């Protein structure tokens, strides 16, 4: 619920349209099957891969999230432009809110 409260709901509200969580919590076996990194935030229940339309929409959403961070409206652990924009990875690990952006 922390990921939803701290990131997903504020992002959805700012976006003004639905955001789909394509991948959230993954057990270690599933994480291995999908090729996730060994220390994935998904295995902690602290990450979501989100989609909102096409790649152009994803780029606008990605940039909006960066803008929200810059305004001090949200903090996150990582924001990653994944798989050439097919989805956006975002994580919230309490105690590690480094606001790292990749992509």
N, C-alpha and C. Protein backbone atom coordinates (compact mmCIF):
# COMPACT_ATOMS: atom_id res chain seq x y z
N UNK A 1 0.81 -1.20 0.00
CA UNK A 1 0.00 0.00 0.00
C UNK A 1 0.85 1.27 0.00
N UNK A 2 2.11 1.18 0.46
CA UNK A 2 2.98 2.36 0.48
C UNK A 2 3.26 2.83 -0.95
N UNK A 3 3.56 1.89 -1.84
CA UNK A 3 3.82 2.23 -3.24
C UNK A 3 2.61 2.94 -3.86
N UNK A 4 1.44 2.43 -3.58
CA UNK A 4 0.22 3.04 -4.12
C UNK A 4 0.01 4.43 -3.53
N UNK A 5 0.10 4.52 -2.22
CA UNK A 5 -0.15 5.81 -1.54
C UNK A 5 0.87 6.87 -1.92
N UNK A 6 2.14 6.50 -1.97
CA UNK A 6 3.21 7.47 -2.19
C UNK A 6 3.44 7.82 -3.65
N UNK A 7 3.16 6.86 -4.56
CA UNK A 7 3.48 7.09 -5.98
C UNK A 7 2.32 6.88 -6.93
N UNK A 8 1.76 5.70 -6.93
CA UNK A 8 0.81 5.36 -7.99
C UNK A 8 -0.44 6.24 -7.96
N UNK A 9 -1.02 6.46 -6.79
CA UNK A 9 -2.21 7.33 -6.74
C UNK A 9 -1.88 8.78 -7.08
N UNK A 10 -0.81 9.37 -6.51
CA UNK A 10 -0.50 10.75 -6.90
C UNK A 10 -0.19 10.90 -8.40
N UNK A 11 0.49 9.92 -8.97
CA UNK A 11 0.81 9.96 -10.40
C UNK A 11 -0.47 9.85 -11.23
N UNK A 12 -1.33 8.91 -10.88
CA UNK A 12 -2.59 8.74 -11.61
C UNK A 12 -3.44 10.00 -11.52
N UNK A 13 -3.49 10.58 -10.34
CA UNK A 13 -4.28 11.79 -10.15
C UNK A 13 -3.74 12.94 -11.01
N UNK A 14 -2.42 13.11 -11.03
CA UNK A 14 -1.81 14.17 -11.85
C UNK A 14 -1.99 13.88 -13.34
N UNK A 15 -1.94 12.63 -13.73
CA UNK A 15 -2.08 12.23 -15.13
C UNK A 15 -3.51 12.48 -15.60
N UNK A 16 -4.48 12.22 -14.72
CA UNK A 16 -5.88 12.48 -15.04
C UNK A 16 -6.57 11.38 -15.82
N UNK A 17 -5.89 10.30 -16.04
CA UNK A 17 -6.45 9.15 -16.76
C UNK A 17 -5.93 7.87 -16.10
N UNK A 18 -6.53 6.73 -16.43
CA UNK A 18 -6.07 5.48 -15.83
C UNK A 18 -4.61 5.16 -16.18
N UNK A 19 -3.96 4.53 -15.23
CA UNK A 19 -2.61 3.99 -15.41
C UNK A 19 -2.71 2.51 -15.06
N UNK A 20 -2.16 1.66 -15.90
CA UNK A 20 -2.24 0.21 -15.71
C UNK A 20 -0.93 -0.28 -15.10
N UNK A 21 -1.06 -1.08 -14.04
CA UNK A 21 0.12 -1.74 -13.47
C UNK A 21 0.28 -3.06 -14.24
N UNK A 22 1.30 -3.11 -15.08
CA UNK A 22 1.55 -4.31 -15.90
C UNK A 22 2.26 -5.39 -15.09
N UNK A 23 3.03 -4.97 -14.08
CA UNK A 23 3.73 -5.91 -13.22
C UNK A 23 3.96 -5.23 -11.88
N UNK A 24 3.65 -5.94 -10.81
CA UNK A 24 3.86 -5.43 -9.46
C UNK A 24 4.73 -6.39 -8.69
N UNK A 25 4.22 -6.90 -7.58
CA UNK A 25 4.98 -7.87 -6.78
C UNK A 25 5.26 -9.12 -7.59
N UNK A 26 6.48 -9.62 -7.48
CA UNK A 26 6.85 -10.89 -8.12
C UNK A 26 7.62 -11.72 -7.11
N UNK A 27 7.22 -12.97 -6.93
CA UNK A 27 8.02 -13.87 -6.10
C UNK A 27 9.35 -14.11 -6.81
N UNK A 28 10.33 -14.62 -6.10
CA UNK A 28 11.66 -14.79 -6.69
C UNK A 28 11.64 -15.71 -7.91
N UNK A 29 10.82 -16.77 -7.87
CA UNK A 29 10.74 -17.68 -9.02
C UNK A 29 10.22 -16.96 -10.26
N UNK A 30 9.13 -16.22 -10.10
CA UNK A 30 8.57 -15.49 -11.24
C UNK A 30 9.55 -14.44 -11.73
N UNK A 31 10.20 -13.77 -10.80
CA UNK A 31 11.18 -12.75 -11.18
C UNK A 31 12.28 -13.36 -12.05
N UNK A 32 12.74 -14.54 -11.68
CA UNK A 32 13.75 -15.24 -12.50
C UNK A 32 13.18 -15.59 -13.87
N UNK A 33 11.96 -16.09 -13.91
CA UNK A 33 11.33 -16.50 -15.17
C UNK A 33 11.18 -15.34 -16.15
N UNK A 34 10.90 -14.14 -15.63
CA UNK A 34 10.71 -13.00 -16.52
C UNK A 34 12.01 -12.25 -16.79
N UNK A 35 13.12 -12.75 -16.24
CA UNK A 35 14.42 -12.13 -16.48
C UNK A 35 14.72 -10.92 -15.62
N UNK A 36 14.02 -10.79 -14.48
CA UNK A 36 14.27 -9.68 -13.57
C UNK A 36 15.62 -9.82 -12.89
N UNK A 37 16.19 -8.70 -12.48
CA UNK A 37 17.47 -8.73 -11.78
C UNK A 37 17.27 -9.38 -10.41
N UNK A 38 18.34 -9.97 -9.89
CA UNK A 38 18.25 -10.74 -8.66
C UNK A 38 17.73 -9.92 -7.47
N UNK A 39 18.13 -8.67 -7.38
CA UNK A 39 17.73 -7.82 -6.25
C UNK A 39 16.59 -6.87 -6.64
N UNK A 40 15.70 -7.32 -7.51
CA UNK A 40 14.60 -6.49 -8.03
C UNK A 40 13.72 -5.96 -6.91
N UNK A 41 13.36 -4.70 -7.02
CA UNK A 41 12.41 -4.11 -6.07
C UNK A 41 11.03 -4.77 -6.19
N UNK A 42 10.76 -5.42 -7.32
CA UNK A 42 9.50 -6.14 -7.48
C UNK A 42 9.38 -7.24 -6.44
N UNK A 43 10.48 -7.91 -6.09
CA UNK A 43 10.43 -9.02 -5.13
C UNK A 43 10.18 -8.52 -3.71
N UNK A 44 10.30 -7.24 -3.49
CA UNK A 44 10.02 -6.63 -2.19
C UNK A 44 8.60 -6.05 -2.14
N UNK A 45 7.91 -6.06 -3.28
CA UNK A 45 6.60 -5.43 -3.36
C UNK A 45 6.69 -3.92 -3.40
N UNK A 46 7.85 -3.41 -3.80
CA UNK A 46 8.11 -1.97 -3.78
C UNK A 46 8.18 -1.36 -5.17
N UNK A 47 7.84 -2.11 -6.22
CA UNK A 47 7.99 -1.61 -7.59
C UNK A 47 6.77 -1.98 -8.43
N UNK A 48 6.57 -1.15 -9.45
CA UNK A 48 5.52 -1.42 -10.43
C UNK A 48 6.03 -1.03 -11.80
N UNK A 49 5.65 -1.80 -12.80
CA UNK A 49 5.85 -1.43 -14.19
C UNK A 49 4.50 -0.92 -14.66
N UNK A 50 4.47 0.33 -15.13
CA UNK A 50 3.19 0.95 -15.48
C UNK A 50 3.14 1.29 -16.96
N UNK A 51 1.91 1.26 -17.48
CA UNK A 51 1.65 1.65 -18.87
C UNK A 51 0.42 2.55 -18.89
N UNK A 52 0.32 3.36 -19.94
CA UNK A 52 -0.81 4.29 -20.01
C UNK A 52 -1.25 4.54 -21.44
N UNK A 53 -0.82 3.74 -22.37
CA UNK A 53 -1.16 3.95 -23.77
C UNK A 53 -0.01 3.52 -24.65
N UNK A 54 0.37 4.40 -25.57
CA UNK A 54 1.47 4.07 -26.48
C UNK A 54 2.79 4.65 -25.96
N UNK A 55 3.85 4.47 -26.70
CA UNK A 55 5.17 4.94 -26.24
C UNK A 55 5.23 6.46 -26.10
N UNK A 56 4.52 7.18 -26.94
CA UNK A 56 4.50 8.63 -26.80
C UNK A 56 3.83 9.03 -25.49
N UNK A 57 2.74 8.33 -25.14
CA UNK A 57 2.09 8.57 -23.85
C UNK A 57 3.05 8.24 -22.70
N UNK A 58 3.75 7.14 -22.85
CA UNK A 58 4.71 6.74 -21.81
C UNK A 58 5.78 7.80 -21.62
N UNK A 59 6.27 8.39 -22.71
CA UNK A 59 7.30 9.44 -22.60
C UNK A 59 6.73 10.65 -21.88
N UNK A 60 5.49 11.03 -22.20
CA UNK A 60 4.88 12.17 -21.52
C UNK A 60 4.69 11.87 -20.03
N UNK A 61 4.27 10.65 -19.71
CA UNK A 61 4.10 10.27 -18.31
C UNK A 61 5.44 10.26 -17.58
N UNK A 62 6.46 9.70 -18.21
CA UNK A 62 7.81 9.65 -17.64
C UNK A 62 8.28 11.07 -17.31
N UNK A 63 8.13 11.97 -18.27
CA UNK A 63 8.54 13.37 -18.06
C UNK A 63 7.70 14.05 -16.99
N UNK A 64 6.42 13.72 -16.91
CA UNK A 64 5.57 14.30 -15.88
C UNK A 64 6.02 13.85 -14.49
N UNK A 65 6.41 12.58 -14.37
CA UNK A 65 6.90 12.07 -13.09
C UNK A 65 8.17 12.79 -12.68
N UNK A 66 9.07 13.02 -13.62
CA UNK A 66 10.29 13.78 -13.32
C UNK A 66 9.93 15.18 -12.85
N UNK A 67 8.98 15.80 -13.52
CA UNK A 67 8.53 17.14 -13.15
C UNK A 67 7.94 17.14 -11.73
N UNK A 68 7.15 16.12 -11.41
CA UNK A 68 6.58 16.01 -10.06
C UNK A 68 7.68 15.88 -9.02
N UNK A 69 8.71 15.13 -9.35
CA UNK A 69 9.86 15.01 -8.45
C UNK A 69 10.55 16.36 -8.28
N UNK A 70 10.78 17.04 -9.38
CA UNK A 70 11.47 18.33 -9.34
C UNK A 70 10.70 19.37 -8.53
N UNK A 71 9.38 19.26 -8.54
CA UNK A 71 8.53 20.17 -7.76
C UNK A 71 8.42 19.76 -6.29
N UNK A 72 8.99 18.58 -5.95
CA UNK A 72 8.91 18.09 -4.58
C UNK A 72 7.59 17.44 -4.23
N UNK A 73 6.80 17.08 -5.25
CA UNK A 73 5.49 16.46 -5.02
C UNK A 73 5.59 14.98 -4.73
N UNK A 74 6.62 14.32 -5.27
CA UNK A 74 6.83 12.90 -5.00
C UNK A 74 8.33 12.63 -4.87
N UNK A 75 8.63 11.53 -4.22
CA UNK A 75 10.00 11.00 -4.16
C UNK A 75 9.89 9.52 -4.45
N UNK A 76 10.92 8.97 -5.07
CA UNK A 76 10.92 7.56 -5.42
C UNK A 76 12.33 7.02 -5.30
N UNK A 77 12.45 5.73 -5.44
CA UNK A 77 13.78 5.11 -5.44
C UNK A 77 14.35 5.13 -6.84
N UNK A 78 13.62 4.55 -7.79
CA UNK A 78 14.06 4.54 -9.18
C UNK A 78 12.89 4.79 -10.12
N UNK A 79 13.20 5.46 -11.20
CA UNK A 79 12.29 5.65 -12.33
C UNK A 79 13.08 5.23 -13.56
N UNK A 80 12.58 4.21 -14.26
CA UNK A 80 13.36 3.64 -15.38
C UNK A 80 12.49 3.57 -16.63
N UNK A 81 13.03 4.10 -17.72
CA UNK A 81 12.43 3.99 -19.06
C UNK A 81 12.84 2.61 -19.56
N UNK A 82 11.92 1.66 -19.55
CA UNK A 82 12.28 0.26 -19.81
C UNK A 82 11.87 -0.22 -21.19
N UNK A 83 12.72 -1.08 -21.72
CA UNK A 83 12.43 -1.81 -22.96
C UNK A 83 11.98 -0.86 -24.06
N UNK A 84 12.78 0.19 -24.28
CA UNK A 84 12.52 1.18 -25.32
C UNK A 84 11.14 1.83 -25.16
N UNK A 85 10.74 2.03 -23.91
CA UNK A 85 9.50 2.74 -23.65
C UNK A 85 8.25 1.90 -23.67
N UNK A 86 8.40 0.60 -23.66
CA UNK A 86 7.20 -0.25 -23.64
C UNK A 86 6.49 -0.16 -22.29
N UNK A 87 7.25 0.18 -21.23
CA UNK A 87 6.67 0.43 -19.92
C UNK A 87 7.62 1.29 -19.12
N UNK A 88 7.11 1.79 -17.99
CA UNK A 88 7.89 2.61 -17.07
C UNK A 88 7.97 1.86 -15.75
N UNK A 89 9.17 1.69 -15.26
CA UNK A 89 9.38 1.07 -13.95
C UNK A 89 9.51 2.18 -12.92
N UNK A 90 8.81 2.04 -11.81
CA UNK A 90 8.95 2.99 -10.71
C UNK A 90 8.95 2.21 -9.40
N UNK A 91 9.82 2.63 -8.48
CA UNK A 91 9.89 1.94 -7.20
C UNK A 91 9.96 2.93 -6.05
N UNK A 92 9.50 2.44 -4.90
CA UNK A 92 9.51 3.22 -3.66
C UNK A 92 9.97 2.29 -2.56
N UNK A 93 11.24 2.42 -2.18
CA UNK A 93 11.80 1.63 -1.09
C UNK A 93 12.04 2.60 0.07
N UNK A 94 11.24 2.50 1.13
CA UNK A 94 11.44 3.41 2.27
C UNK A 94 12.89 3.38 2.75
N UNK A 95 13.44 4.53 3.01
CA UNK A 95 14.83 4.63 3.45
C UNK A 95 15.82 4.72 2.31
N UNK A 96 15.34 4.57 1.06
CA UNK A 96 16.22 4.65 -0.12
C UNK A 96 15.51 5.44 -1.21
N UNK A 97 15.20 6.69 -0.93
CA UNK A 97 14.49 7.53 -1.88
C UNK A 97 15.48 8.43 -2.62
N UNK A 98 16.32 7.79 -3.42
CA UNK A 98 17.41 8.50 -4.12
C UNK A 98 16.95 9.22 -5.37
N UNK A 99 15.72 8.97 -5.80
CA UNK A 99 15.14 9.61 -6.99
C UNK A 99 16.01 9.41 -8.23
N UNK A 100 16.52 8.21 -8.39
CA UNK A 100 17.36 7.87 -9.54
C UNK A 100 16.50 7.74 -10.80
N UNK A 101 16.91 8.41 -11.86
CA UNK A 101 16.22 8.33 -13.15
C UNK A 101 17.17 7.68 -14.15
N UNK A 102 16.66 6.66 -14.82
CA UNK A 102 17.44 5.96 -15.85
C UNK A 102 16.61 5.97 -17.13
N UNK A 103 17.15 6.58 -18.16
CA UNK A 103 16.46 6.56 -19.45
C UNK A 103 16.01 7.89 -19.93
